[in-house]
Amino acid sequence: MAAPGVTPPDVTPSRPRIDLLAWLERISRHILLAWGAKSLMLPTESGAVHAYSLAGRGEGTFVLIHGLGANASGWTTLAGKLRGVARRIVLLELPGHGRSAPPPEGIRLKDLTSSVPAALDMLIDERDGAVVLGNSLGGATALRYALARPERVRGLILNSPAGAPLDEHEVEALRERFGIKNRLDARRFLGQLMHRPPLYYRALENGLVAELGRPLVQGFLHSVCPEDFFTAVELATLAVPTVVLWGKSDQVLPVSGLAFYRSALPSSTRFIELEGVGHSVHLERPGLVIKHLLEARDRVV
């Protein structure tokens, strides 16, 4: 019994934090494997890159590349919808994400520009090529691959692509945005990620804190420098039919990125700005993304 006037210690056991994000990743993996997907580890100089390769019942190959702090599970719904219309769907996981090995010195842009092309070369048949879709950092990665290997990319869909030049204030704001330390930070980030995040997304907050707080993710953000960004000169050489989808409610990347891409990408590039959509078009408007994927496929098949 506590002495008079002394508050007894709180001995109520704290509830363990449930990482629903990690649980969803495991469920997504079971679903993909149940659909017959192959789980592939592809050797590269920066470490093994993981990808799922899923056979479909239609035509064309589609490659989907996620953004920073995400993994292949974010594409599961889209992959399920593509099964009936694609011959093959590839879900690639960036180095240090999902089941891909983390590079020894952490993620640097050089790792993405060396290991990802090496992995994609093993996944994409040069005779047929593929339609490549990338979101955010995955968009920048897809764009770099299309610049380096235009013969393998039949069409390019970029969802709010990263890689546009940022000034010092924009870089610092980006680091602060991803500086998630608690559930309130995670809730704020989800509000910036989506136009109107569903209430049930709050169950993902603990997982988001754990994932985006990883030293590997934070180290990448703090390694970003001007040399990492695209230049207008290199983008002018893009020879692949390209569509850029940009949500008008995107608060993750500054709108200056969209302005840069409008001015720097070839005049044949289609730009579509979407009302009521944030940074991840594939989560908020999957049907629209599939429409553009199929249009890109049919333009060349």
C-alpha atoms as a PDB file:
ATOM      1  CA  MET A   1       0.000   0.000   0.000  1.00  0.00           C
ATOM      2  CA  ALA A   2       1.297   3.460  -0.886  1.00  0.00           C
ATOM      3  CA  ALA A   3       2.091   5.924   1.897  1.00  0.00           C
ATOM      4  CA  PRO A   4      -0.445   8.724   2.466  1.00  0.00           C
ATOM      5  CA  GLY A   5       0.018  11.535  -0.033  1.00  0.00           C
ATOM      6  CA  VAL A   6       2.259   9.448  -2.279  1.00  0.00           C
ATOM      7  CA  THR A   7       0.979   8.537  -5.709  1.00  0.00           C
ATOM      8  CA  PRO A   8       1.506   4.840  -6.364  1.00  0.00           C
ATOM      9  CA  PRO A   9       3.466   3.919  -9.470  1.00  0.00           C
ATOM     10  CA  ASP A  10       1.469   3.053 -12.569  1.00  0.00           C
ATOM     11  CA  VAL A  11       1.759  -0.683 -12.871  1.00  0.00           C
ATOM     12  CA  THR A  12      -0.764  -1.004 -15.708  1.00  0.00           C
ATOM     13  CA  PRO A  13       1.000  -3.004 -18.412  1.00  0.00           C
ATOM     14  CA  SER A  14       1.437  -1.010 -21.608  1.00  0.00           C
ATOM     15  CA  ARG A  15      -0.120  -2.461 -24.713  1.00  0.00           C
ATOM     16  CA  PRO A  16       2.394  -3.544 -27.341  1.00  0.00           C
ATOM     17  CA  ARG A  17       2.490  -1.451 -30.483  1.00  0.00           C
ATOM     18  CA  ILE A  18       1.020  -3.336 -33.397  1.00  0.00           C
ATOM     19  CA  ASP A  19       2.847  -2.787 -36.686  1.00  0.00           C
ATOM     20  CA  LEU A  20      -0.091  -3.262 -39.043  1.00  0.00           C
ATOM     21  CA  LEU A  21       2.033  -2.105 -41.965  1.00  0.00           C
ATOM     22  CA  ALA A  22       4.393  -5.075 -41.529  1.00  0.00           C
ATOM     23  CA  TRP A  23       1.394  -7.374 -41.122  1.00  0.00           C
ATOM     24  CA  LEU A  24      -0.114  -6.082 -44.385  1.00  0.00           C
ATOM     25  CA  GLU A  25       3.190  -6.674 -46.149  1.00  0.00           C
ATOM     26  CA  ARG A  26       3.138 -10.312 -45.038  1.00  0.00           C
ATOM     27  CA  ILE A  27      -0.499 -10.721 -46.112  1.00  0.00           C
ATOM     28  CA  SER A  28       0.264  -9.141 -49.492  1.00  0.00           C
ATOM     29  CA  ARG A  29       3.156 -11.554 -49.972  1.00  0.00           C
ATOM     30  CA  HIS A  30       0.880 -14.528 -49.231  1.00  0.00           C
ATOM     31  CA  ILE A  31      -1.679 -13.186 -51.719  1.00  0.00           C
ATOM     32  CA  LEU A  32       0.904 -12.662 -54.461  1.00  0.00           C
ATOM     33  CA  LEU A  33       2.383 -16.131 -53.934  1.00  0.00           C
ATOM     34  CA  ALA A  34      -1.112 -17.650 -53.914  1.00  0.00           C
ATOM     35  CA  TRP A  35      -1.699 -16.009 -57.304  1.00  0.00           C
ATOM     36  CA  GLY A  36       1.408 -17.813 -58.544  1.00  0.00           C
ATOM     37  CA  ALA A  37       3.934 -14.980 -58.312  1.00  0.00           C
ATOM     38  CA  LYS A  38       7.607 -15.905 -58.287  1.00  0.00           C
ATOM     39  CA  SER A  39       9.703 -14.274 -55.569  1.00  0.00           C
ATOM     40  CA  LEU A  40      13.039 -13.479 -57.227  1.00  0.00           C
ATOM     41  CA  MET A  41      16.354 -12.354 -55.720  1.00  0.00           C
ATOM     42  CA  LEU A  42      18.406 -10.683 -58.451  1.00  0.00           C
ATOM     43  CA  PRO A  43      22.161 -10.264 -57.813  1.00  0.00           C
ATOM     44  CA  THR A  44      23.620  -6.779 -58.432  1.00  0.00           C
ATOM     45  CA  GLU A  45      26.834  -4.989 -57.440  1.00  0.00           C
ATOM     46  CA  SER A  46      24.998  -3.165 -54.622  1.00  0.00           C
ATOM     47  CA  GLY A  47      23.323  -6.301 -53.261  1.00  0.00           C
ATOM     48  CA  ALA A  48      20.391  -8.515 -54.151  1.00  0.00           C
ATOM     49  CA  VAL A  49      17.270  -6.790 -55.476  1.00  0.00           C
ATOM     50  CA  HIS A  50      13.954  -8.500 -54.848  1.00  0.00           C
ATOM     51  CA  ALA A  51      11.032  -8.598 -57.267  1.00  0.00           C
ATOM     52  CA  TYR A  52       7.776 -10.479 -57.709  1.00  0.00           C
ATOM     53  CA  SER A  53       7.001 -11.737 -61.201  1.00  0.00           C
ATOM     54  CA  LEU A  54       3.326 -12.542 -61.679  1.00  0.00           C
ATOM     55  CA  ALA A  55       1.876 -14.201 -64.777  1.00  0.00           C
ATOM     56  CA  GLY A  56      -1.414 -12.892 -66.125  1.00  0.00           C
ATOM     57  CA  ARG A  57      -3.945 -13.845 -68.790  1.00  0.00           C
ATOM     58  CA  GLY A  58      -3.536 -10.910 -71.162  1.00  0.00           C
ATOM     59  CA  GLU A  59      -0.884  -9.111 -73.173  1.00  0.00           C
ATOM     60  CA  GLY A  60       2.164  -7.024 -72.336  1.00  0.00           C
ATOM     61  CA  THR A  61       4.603  -6.726 -69.440  1.00  0.00           C
ATOM     62  CA  PHE A  62       4.146  -4.088 -66.740  1.00  0.00           C
ATOM     63  CA  VAL A  63       6.814  -3.096 -64.201  1.00  0.00           C
ATOM     64  CA  LEU A  64       5.724  -1.263 -61.033  1.00  0.00           C
ATOM     65  CA  ILE A  65       8.274   0.577 -58.835  1.00  0.00           C
ATOM     66  CA  HIS A  66       7.318   1.986 -55.414  1.00  0.00           C
ATOM     67  CA  GLY A  67       8.563   5.098 -53.614  1.00  0.00           C
ATOM     68  CA  LEU A  68      10.773   5.800 -50.605  1.00  0.00           C
ATOM     69  CA  GLY A  69       9.846   3.847 -47.477  1.00  0.00           C
ATOM     70  CA  ALA A  70       7.337   1.646 -49.319  1.00  0.00           C
ATOM     71  CA  ASN A  71       7.546  -1.841 -50.833  1.00  0.00           C
ATOM     72  CA  ALA A  72       5.813  -4.098 -53.340  1.00  0.00           C
ATOM     73  CA  SER A  73       2.771  -4.617 -51.095  1.00  0.00           C
ATOM     74  CA  GLY A  74       1.489  -1.177 -52.075  1.00  0.00           C
ATOM     75  CA  TRP A  75       0.906  -2.477 -55.606  1.00  0.00           C
ATOM     76  CA  THR A  76      -1.026  -5.633 -54.661  1.00  0.00           C
ATOM     77  CA  THR A  77      -4.473  -4.222 -55.476  1.00  0.00           C
ATOM     78  CA  LEU A  78      -3.269  -2.840 -58.800  1.00  0.00           C
ATOM     79  CA  ALA A  79      -1.513  -6.111 -59.658  1.00  0.00           C
ATOM     80  CA  GLY A  80      -4.704  -8.026 -58.933  1.00  0.00           C
ATOM     81  CA  LYS A  81      -6.624  -5.827 -61.374  1.00  0.00           C
ATOM     82  CA  LEU A  82      -3.917  -6.231 -64.024  1.00  0.00           C
ATOM     83  CA  ARG A  83      -3.857 -10.040 -63.876  1.00  0.00           C
ATOM     84  CA  GLY A  84      -6.689 -10.374 -66.351  1.00  0.00           C
ATOM     85  CA  VAL A  85      -5.236  -8.005 -68.949  1.00  0.00           C
ATOM     86  CA  ALA A  86      -1.423  -8.378 -68.663  1.00  0.00           C
ATOM     87  CA  ARG A  87       0.866 -11.200 -69.677  1.00  0.00           C
ATOM     88  CA  ARG A  88       3.238 -10.419 -66.809  1.00  0.00           C
ATOM     89  CA  ILE A  89       3.378  -7.994 -63.882  1.00  0.00           C
ATOM     90  CA  VAL A  90       6.696  -7.258 -62.146  1.00  0.00           C
ATOM     91  CA  LEU A  91       6.758  -5.623 -58.703  1.00  0.00           C
ATOM     92  CA  LEU A  92      10.299  -4.450 -58.010  1.00  0.00           C
ATOM     93  CA  GLU A  93      11.511  -3.490 -54.536  1.00  0.00           C
ATOM     94  CA  LEU A  94      14.126  -0.757 -54.310  1.00  0.00           C
ATOM     95  CA  PRO A  95      17.415  -1.515 -52.502  1.00  0.00           C
ATOM     96  CA  GLY A  96      16.907  -1.560 -48.738  1.00  0.00           C
ATOM     97  CA  HIS A  97      13.129  -1.879 -49.110  1.00  0.00           C
ATOM     98  CA  GLY A  98      10.927  -4.927 -48.696  1.00  0.00           C
ATOM     99  CA  ARG A  99      13.077  -8.006 -49.248  1.00  0.00           C
ATOM    100  CA  SER A 100      15.811  -6.239 -51.213  1.00  0.00           C
ATOM    101  CA  ALA A 101      19.181  -6.173 -49.497  1.00  0.00           C
ATOM    102  CA  PRO A 102      20.281  -2.864 -47.986  1.00  0.00           C
ATOM    103  CA  PRO A 103      23.464  -1.554 -49.627  1.00  0.00           C
ATOM    104  CA  PRO A 104      26.461  -1.779 -47.228  1.00  0.00           C
ATOM    105  CA  GLU A 105      26.799   2.000 -46.944  1.00  0.00           C
ATOM    106  CA  GLY A 106      23.085   2.791 -46.956  1.00  0.00           C
ATOM    107  CA  ILE A 107      20.934   3.920 -49.875  1.00  0.00           C
ATOM    108  CA  ARG A 108      22.528   6.443 -52.200  1.00  0.00           C
ATOM    109  CA  LEU A 109      21.333   7.530 -55.582  1.00  0.00           C
ATOM    110  CA  LYS A 110      24.249   5.698 -57.180  1.00  0.00           C
ATOM    111  CA  ASP A 111      22.834   2.452 -55.776  1.00  0.00           C
ATOM    112  CA  LEU A 112      19.527   3.087 -57.548  1.00  0.00           C
ATOM    113  CA  THR A 113      21.187   4.019 -60.824  1.00  0.00           C
ATOM    114  CA  SER A 114      23.334   0.878 -60.851  1.00  0.00           C
ATOM    115  CA  SER A 115      21.464  -1.902 -59.067  1.00  0.00           C
ATOM    116  CA  VAL A 116      17.935  -1.181 -60.333  1.00  0.00           C
ATOM    117  CA  PRO A 117      18.887  -1.111 -64.051  1.00  0.00           C
ATOM    118  CA  ALA A 118      20.863  -4.323 -63.568  1.00  0.00           C
ATOM    119  CA  ALA A 119      17.820  -5.987 -61.982  1.00  0.00           C
ATOM    120  CA  LEU A 120      15.403  -4.643 -64.598  1.00  0.00           C
ATOM    121  CA  ASP A 121      17.654  -5.880 -67.395  1.00  0.00           C
ATOM    122  CA  MET A 122      17.180  -9.379 -65.975  1.00  0.00           C
ATOM    123  CA  LEU A 123      13.412  -8.926 -65.748  1.00  0.00           C
ATOM    124  CA  ILE A 124      12.540  -7.201 -69.032  1.00  0.00           C
ATOM    125  CA  ASP A 125      12.860  -9.021 -72.328  1.00  0.00           C
ATOM    126  CA  GLU A 126      14.481  -6.605 -74.778  1.00  0.00           C
ATOM    127  CA  ARG A 127      12.474  -8.124 -77.643  1.00  0.00           C
ATOM    128  CA  ASP A 128       9.135  -7.165 -76.075  1.00  0.00           C
ATOM    129  CA  GLY A 129       9.969  -4.372 -73.650  1.00  0.00           C
ATOM    130  CA  ALA A 130       7.669  -3.275 -70.840  1.00  0.00           C
ATOM    131  CA  VAL A 131       5.444  -0.459 -69.716  1.00  0.00           C
ATOM    132  CA  VAL A 132       7.098   0.935 -66.582  1.00  0.00           C
ATOM    133  CA  LEU A 133       5.196   2.730 -63.816  1.00  0.00           C
ATOM    134  CA  GLY A 134       6.970   4.502 -60.968  1.00  0.00           C
ATOM    135  CA  ASN A 135       5.659   6.461 -58.008  1.00  0.00           C
ATOM    136  CA  SER A 136       7.687   9.257 -56.346  1.00  0.00           C
ATOM    137  CA  LEU A 137      11.279   7.968 -55.924  1.00  0.00           C
ATOM    138  CA  GLY A 138      10.170   4.989 -58.013  1.00  0.00           C
ATOM    139  CA  GLY A 139       9.138   7.486 -60.693  1.00  0.00           C
ATOM    140  CA  ALA A 140      12.601   9.043 -60.743  1.00  0.00           C
ATOM    141  CA  THR A 141      14.105   5.542 -60.876  1.00  0.00           C
ATOM    142  CA  ALA A 142      11.829   4.534 -63.767  1.00  0.00           C
ATOM    143  CA  LEU A 143      12.678   7.734 -65.630  1.00  0.00           C
ATOM    144  CA  ARG A 144      16.418   7.131 -65.261  1.00  0.00           C
ATOM    145  CA  TYR A 145      15.960   3.598 -66.575  1.00  0.00           C
ATOM    146  CA  ALA A 146      13.979   4.839 -69.579  1.00  0.00           C
ATOM    147  CA  LEU A 147      16.755   7.349 -70.369  1.00  0.00           C
ATOM    148  CA  ALA A 148      19.417   4.633 -70.142  1.00  0.00           C
ATOM    149  CA  ARG A 149      17.493   1.739 -71.747  1.00  0.00           C
ATOM    150  CA  PRO A 150      14.875   3.201 -74.135  1.00  0.00           C
ATOM    151  CA  GLU A 151      14.871  -0.019 -76.158  1.00  0.00           C
ATOM    152  CA  ARG A 152      13.432  -1.894 -73.159  1.00  0.00           C
ATOM    153  CA  VAL A 153      10.733   0.619 -72.169  1.00  0.00           C
ATOM    154  CA  ARG A 154       7.667   0.757 -74.407  1.00  0.00           C
ATOM    155  CA  GLY A 155       5.836   3.296 -72.283  1.00  0.00           C
ATOM    156  CA  LEU A 156       6.467   5.274 -69.098  1.00  0.00           C
ATOM    157  CA  ILE A 157       3.881   6.298 -66.489  1.00  0.00           C
ATOM    158  CA  LEU A 158       5.178   8.614 -63.771  1.00  0.00           C
ATOM    159  CA  ASN A 159       3.065   9.193 -60.650  1.00  0.00           C
ATOM    160  CA  SER A 160       4.255  12.361 -58.869  1.00  0.00           C
ATOM    161  CA  PRO A 161       7.878  11.621 -59.816  1.00  0.00           C
ATOM    162  CA  ALA A 162      10.749  12.764 -57.631  1.00  0.00           C
ATOM    163  CA  GLY A 163      14.060  13.849 -59.139  1.00  0.00           C
ATOM    164  CA  ALA A 164      13.271  17.442 -60.117  1.00  0.00           C
ATOM    165  CA  PRO A 165      15.738  20.079 -58.851  1.00  0.00           C
ATOM    166  CA  LEU A 166      14.968  21.372 -55.351  1.00  0.00           C
ATOM    167  CA  ASP A 167      16.452  24.409 -53.652  1.00  0.00           C
ATOM    168  CA  GLU A 168      17.903  24.250 -50.137  1.00  0.00           C
ATOM    169  CA  HIS A 169      14.614  25.215 -48.485  1.00  0.00           C
ATOM    170  CA  GLU A 170      12.677  22.578 -50.442  1.00  0.00           C
ATOM    171  CA  VAL A 171      15.204  19.873 -49.564  1.00  0.00           C
ATOM    172  CA  GLU A 172      15.037  20.779 -45.878  1.00  0.00           C
ATOM    173  CA  ALA A 173      11.225  20.830 -45.989  1.00  0.00           C
ATOM    174  CA  LEU A 174      11.266  17.361 -47.562  1.00  0.00           C
ATOM    175  CA  ARG A 175      13.509  16.036 -44.789  1.00  0.00           C
ATOM    176  CA  GLU A 176      11.214  17.535 -42.156  1.00  0.00           C
ATOM    177  CA  ARG A 177       8.182  16.011 -43.857  1.00  0.00           C
ATOM    178  CA  PHE A 178       9.713  12.545 -43.612  1.00  0.00           C
ATOM    179  CA  GLY A 179      11.007  13.176 -40.086  1.00  0.00           C
ATOM    180  CA  ILE A 180       8.325  11.037 -38.478  1.00  0.00           C
ATOM    181  CA  LYS A 181       8.933  10.354 -34.783  1.00  0.00           C
ATOM    182  CA  ASN A 182       5.465   9.525 -33.429  1.00  0.00           C
ATOM    183  CA  ARG A 183       1.893   8.742 -34.412  1.00  0.00           C
ATOM    184  CA  LEU A 184       0.905  12.399 -34.680  1.00  0.00           C
ATOM    185  CA  ASP A 185       3.731  12.918 -37.183  1.00  0.00           C
ATOM    186  CA  ALA A 186       2.540   9.853 -39.073  1.00  0.00           C
ATOM    187  CA  ARG A 187      -1.040  11.167 -39.157  1.00  0.00           C
ATOM    188  CA  ARG A 188       0.219  14.476 -40.497  1.00  0.00           C
ATOM    189  CA  PHE A 189       2.240  12.688 -43.167  1.00  0.00           C
ATOM    190  CA  LEU A 190      -0.740  10.602 -44.287  1.00  0.00           C
ATOM    191  CA  GLY A 191      -2.716  13.836 -44.646  1.00  0.00           C
ATOM    192  CA  GLN A 192       0.017  15.147 -46.936  1.00  0.00           C
ATOM    193  CA  LEU A 193       0.256  11.865 -48.826  1.00  0.00           C
ATOM    194  CA  MET A 194      -3.437  11.573 -49.704  1.00  0.00           C
ATOM    195  CA  HIS A 195      -6.223  14.015 -50.464  1.00  0.00           C
ATOM    196  CA  ARG A 196      -8.448  12.509 -47.797  1.00  0.00           C
ATOM    197  CA  PRO A 197      -6.922   9.472 -46.068  1.00  0.00           C
ATOM    198  CA  PRO A 198      -9.530   6.966 -44.842  1.00  0.00           C
ATOM    199  CA  LEU A 199      -9.907   6.789 -41.069  1.00  0.00           C
ATOM    200  CA  TYR A 200      -8.728   3.190 -41.038  1.00  0.00           C
ATOM    201  CA  TYR A 201      -5.309   4.390 -42.238  1.00  0.00           C
ATOM    202  CA  ARG A 202      -4.707   5.454 -38.633  1.00  0.00           C
ATOM    203  CA  ALA A 203      -4.045   1.791 -37.936  1.00  0.00           C
ATOM    204  CA  LEU A 204      -0.930   2.128 -40.101  1.00  0.00           C
ATOM    205  CA  GLU A 205       0.618   4.947 -38.075  1.00  0.00           C
ATOM    206  CA  ASN A 206       2.870   2.819 -35.851  1.00  0.00           C
ATOM    207  CA  GLY A 207       4.239   1.013 -38.883  1.00  0.00           C
ATOM    208  CA  LEU A 208       4.840   4.293 -40.680  1.00  0.00           C
ATOM    209  CA  VAL A 209       6.859   5.609 -37.724  1.00  0.00           C
ATOM    210  CA  ALA A 210       8.995   2.465 -37.788  1.00  0.00           C
ATOM    211  CA  GLU A 211       9.478   2.379 -41.558  1.00  0.00           C
ATOM    212  CA  LEU A 212      10.205   6.026 -42.321  1.00  0.00           C
ATOM    213  CA  GLY A 213      12.253   6.393 -39.149  1.00  0.00           C
ATOM    214  CA  ARG A 214      14.743   3.742 -40.232  1.00  0.00           C
ATOM    215  CA  PRO A 215      18.320   5.064 -40.385  1.00  0.00           C
ATOM    216  CA  LEU A 216      18.507   3.765 -43.938  1.00  0.00           C
ATOM    217  CA  VAL A 217      15.579   5.969 -45.068  1.00  0.00           C
ATOM    218  CA  GLN A 218      16.701   9.004 -43.084  1.00  0.00           C
ATOM    219  CA  GLY A 219      20.257   8.533 -44.310  1.00  0.00           C
ATOM    220  CA  PHE A 220      19.073   8.615 -47.904  1.00  0.00           C
ATOM    221  CA  LEU A 221      17.161  11.860 -47.338  1.00  0.00           C
ATOM    222  CA  HIS A 222      20.199  13.499 -45.768  1.00  0.00           C
ATOM    223  CA  SER A 223      22.438  12.345 -48.616  1.00  0.00           C
ATOM    224  CA  VAL A 224      20.379  14.140 -51.280  1.00  0.00           C
ATOM    225  CA  CYS A 225      22.401  16.785 -53.097  1.00  0.00           C
ATOM    226  CA  PRO A 226      22.001  18.899 -56.265  1.00  0.00           C
ATOM    227  CA  GLU A 227      23.984  16.387 -58.323  1.00  0.00           C
ATOM    228  CA  ASP A 228      21.200  13.850 -57.763  1.00  0.00           C
ATOM    229  CA  PHE A 229      18.580  15.863 -59.655  1.00  0.00           C
ATOM    230  CA  PHE A 230      17.698  15.630 -63.331  1.00  0.00           C
ATOM    231  CA  THR A 231      18.777  18.370 -65.716  1.00  0.00           C
ATOM    232  CA  ALA A 232      16.773  19.749 -68.615  1.00  0.00           C
ATOM    233  CA  VAL A 233      19.547  18.661 -70.966  1.00  0.00           C
ATOM    234  CA  GLU A 234      19.315  14.974 -70.065  1.00  0.00           C
ATOM    235  CA  LEU A 235      15.503  14.919 -70.026  1.00  0.00           C
ATOM    236  CA  ALA A 236      15.395  16.398 -73.525  1.00  0.00           C
ATOM    237  CA  THR A 237      16.847  13.102 -74.788  1.00  0.00           C
ATOM    238  CA  LEU A 238      13.962  10.955 -73.490  1.00  0.00           C
ATOM    239  CA  ALA A 239      12.705   8.829 -76.391  1.00  0.00           C
ATOM    240  CA  VAL A 240       9.908   6.912 -74.652  1.00  0.00           C
ATOM    241  CA  PRO A 241       6.176   7.814 -74.751  1.00  0.00           C
ATOM    242  CA  THR A 242       5.511   9.274 -71.298  1.00  0.00           C
ATOM    243  CA  VAL A 243       2.521  10.237 -69.153  1.00  0.00           C
ATOM    244  CA  VAL A 244       2.937  12.234 -65.933  1.00  0.00           C
ATOM    245  CA  LEU A 245       0.124  11.975 -63.364  1.00  0.00           C
ATOM    246  CA  TRP A 246       0.216  14.595 -60.605  1.00  0.00           C
ATOM    247  CA  GLY A 247      -2.355  14.950 -57.832  1.00  0.00           C
ATOM    248  CA  LYS A 248      -3.342  18.545 -57.129  1.00  0.00           C
ATOM    249  CA  SER A 249      -3.501  17.710 -53.406  1.00  0.00           C
ATOM    250  CA  ASP A 250       0.083  16.385 -53.336  1.00  0.00           C
ATOM    251  CA  GLN A 251       1.829  17.896 -50.302  1.00  0.00           C
ATOM    252  CA  VAL A 252       4.835  15.559 -50.295  1.00  0.00           C
ATOM    253  CA  LEU A 253       6.680  17.015 -53.292  1.00  0.00           C
ATOM    254  CA  PRO A 254       6.613  20.730 -54.147  1.00  0.00           C
ATOM    255  CA  VAL A 255       4.689  21.819 -57.235  1.00  0.00           C
ATOM    256  CA  SER A 256       7.954  23.260 -58.561  1.00  0.00           C
ATOM    257  CA  GLY A 257       8.769  19.673 -59.564  1.00  0.00           C
ATOM    258  CA  LEU A 258       5.765  19.534 -61.859  1.00  0.00           C
ATOM    259  CA  ALA A 259       6.737  22.878 -63.386  1.00  0.00           C
ATOM    260  CA  PHE A 260      10.261  21.587 -64.050  1.00  0.00           C
ATOM    261  CA  TYR A 261       9.029  18.429 -65.741  1.00  0.00           C
ATOM    262  CA  ARG A 262       6.594  20.438 -67.878  1.00  0.00           C
ATOM    263  CA  SER A 263       9.440  22.576 -69.130  1.00  0.00           C
ATOM    264  CA  ALA A 264      12.105  19.869 -69.461  1.00  0.00           C
ATOM    265  CA  LEU A 265      10.413  16.711 -70.765  1.00  0.00           C
ATOM    266  CA  PRO A 266       9.784  16.382 -74.517  1.00  0.00           C
ATOM    267  CA  SER A 267       6.720  18.177 -75.874  1.00  0.00           C
ATOM    268  CA  SER A 268       5.067  14.820 -76.622  1.00  0.00           C
ATOM    269  CA  THR A 269       4.782  14.100 -72.854  1.00  0.00           C
ATOM    270  CA  ARG A 270       1.219  14.069 -71.547  1.00  0.00           C
ATOM    271  CA  PHE A 271       0.599  15.822 -68.230  1.00  0.00           C
ATOM    272  CA  ILE A 272      -2.577  15.090 -66.265  1.00  0.00           C
ATOM    273  CA  GLU A 273      -3.290  16.989 -63.047  1.00  0.00           C
ATOM    274  CA  LEU A 274      -5.911  15.326 -60.879  1.00  0.00           C
ATOM    275  CA  GLU A 275      -8.412  16.974 -58.558  1.00  0.00           C
ATOM    276  CA  GLY A 276      -8.969  15.289 -55.212  1.00  0.00           C
ATOM    277  CA  VAL A 277      -5.798  13.205 -55.461  1.00  0.00           C
ATOM    278  CA  GLY A 278      -2.581  13.391 -53.430  1.00  0.00           C
ATOM    279  CA  HIS A 279       0.899  11.958 -53.896  1.00  0.00           C
ATOM    280  CA  SER A 280      -0.022   8.308 -54.551  1.00  0.00           C
ATOM    281  CA  VAL A 281      -2.376   8.200 -57.509  1.00  0.00           C
ATOM    282  CA  HIS A 282      -2.307   4.393 -57.585  1.00  0.00           C
ATOM    283  CA  LEU A 283      -3.878   4.259 -54.106  1.00  0.00           C
ATOM    284  CA  GLU A 284      -6.562   6.868 -54.692  1.00  0.00           C
ATOM    285  CA  ARG A 285      -7.399   6.325 -58.378  1.00  0.00           C
ATOM    286  CA  PRO A 286      -6.222   2.808 -59.340  1.00  0.00           C
ATOM    287  CA  GLY A 287      -8.691   2.573 -62.210  1.00  0.00           C
ATOM    288  CA  LEU A 288      -7.216   5.674 -63.831  1.00  0.00           C
ATOM    289  CA  VAL A 289      -3.679   4.323 -63.490  1.00  0.00           C
ATOM    290  CA  ILE A 290      -4.699   1.045 -65.148  1.00  0.00           C
ATOM    291  CA  LYS A 291      -6.343   2.982 -67.982  1.00  0.00           C
ATOM    292  CA  HIS A 292      -3.081   4.754 -68.757  1.00  0.00           C
ATOM    293  CA  LEU A 293      -1.045   1.559 -68.394  1.00  0.00           C
ATOM    294  CA  LEU A 294      -3.225  -0.198 -70.968  1.00  0.00           C
ATOM    295  CA  GLU A 295      -3.167   2.796 -73.301  1.00  0.00           C
ATOM    296  CA  ALA A 296       0.635   2.749 -73.137  1.00  0.00           C
ATOM    297  CA  ARG A 297       0.659  -0.977 -73.893  1.00  0.00           C
ATOM    298  CA  ASP A 298      -1.810  -0.727 -76.788  1.00  0.00           C
ATOM    299  CA  ARG A 299       0.098   2.133 -78.328  1.00  0.00           C
ATOM    300  CA  VAL A 300       2.945  -0.249 -79.110  1.00  0.00           C
ATOM    301  CA  VAL A 301       1.496  -3.801 -79.232  1.00  0.00           C
END
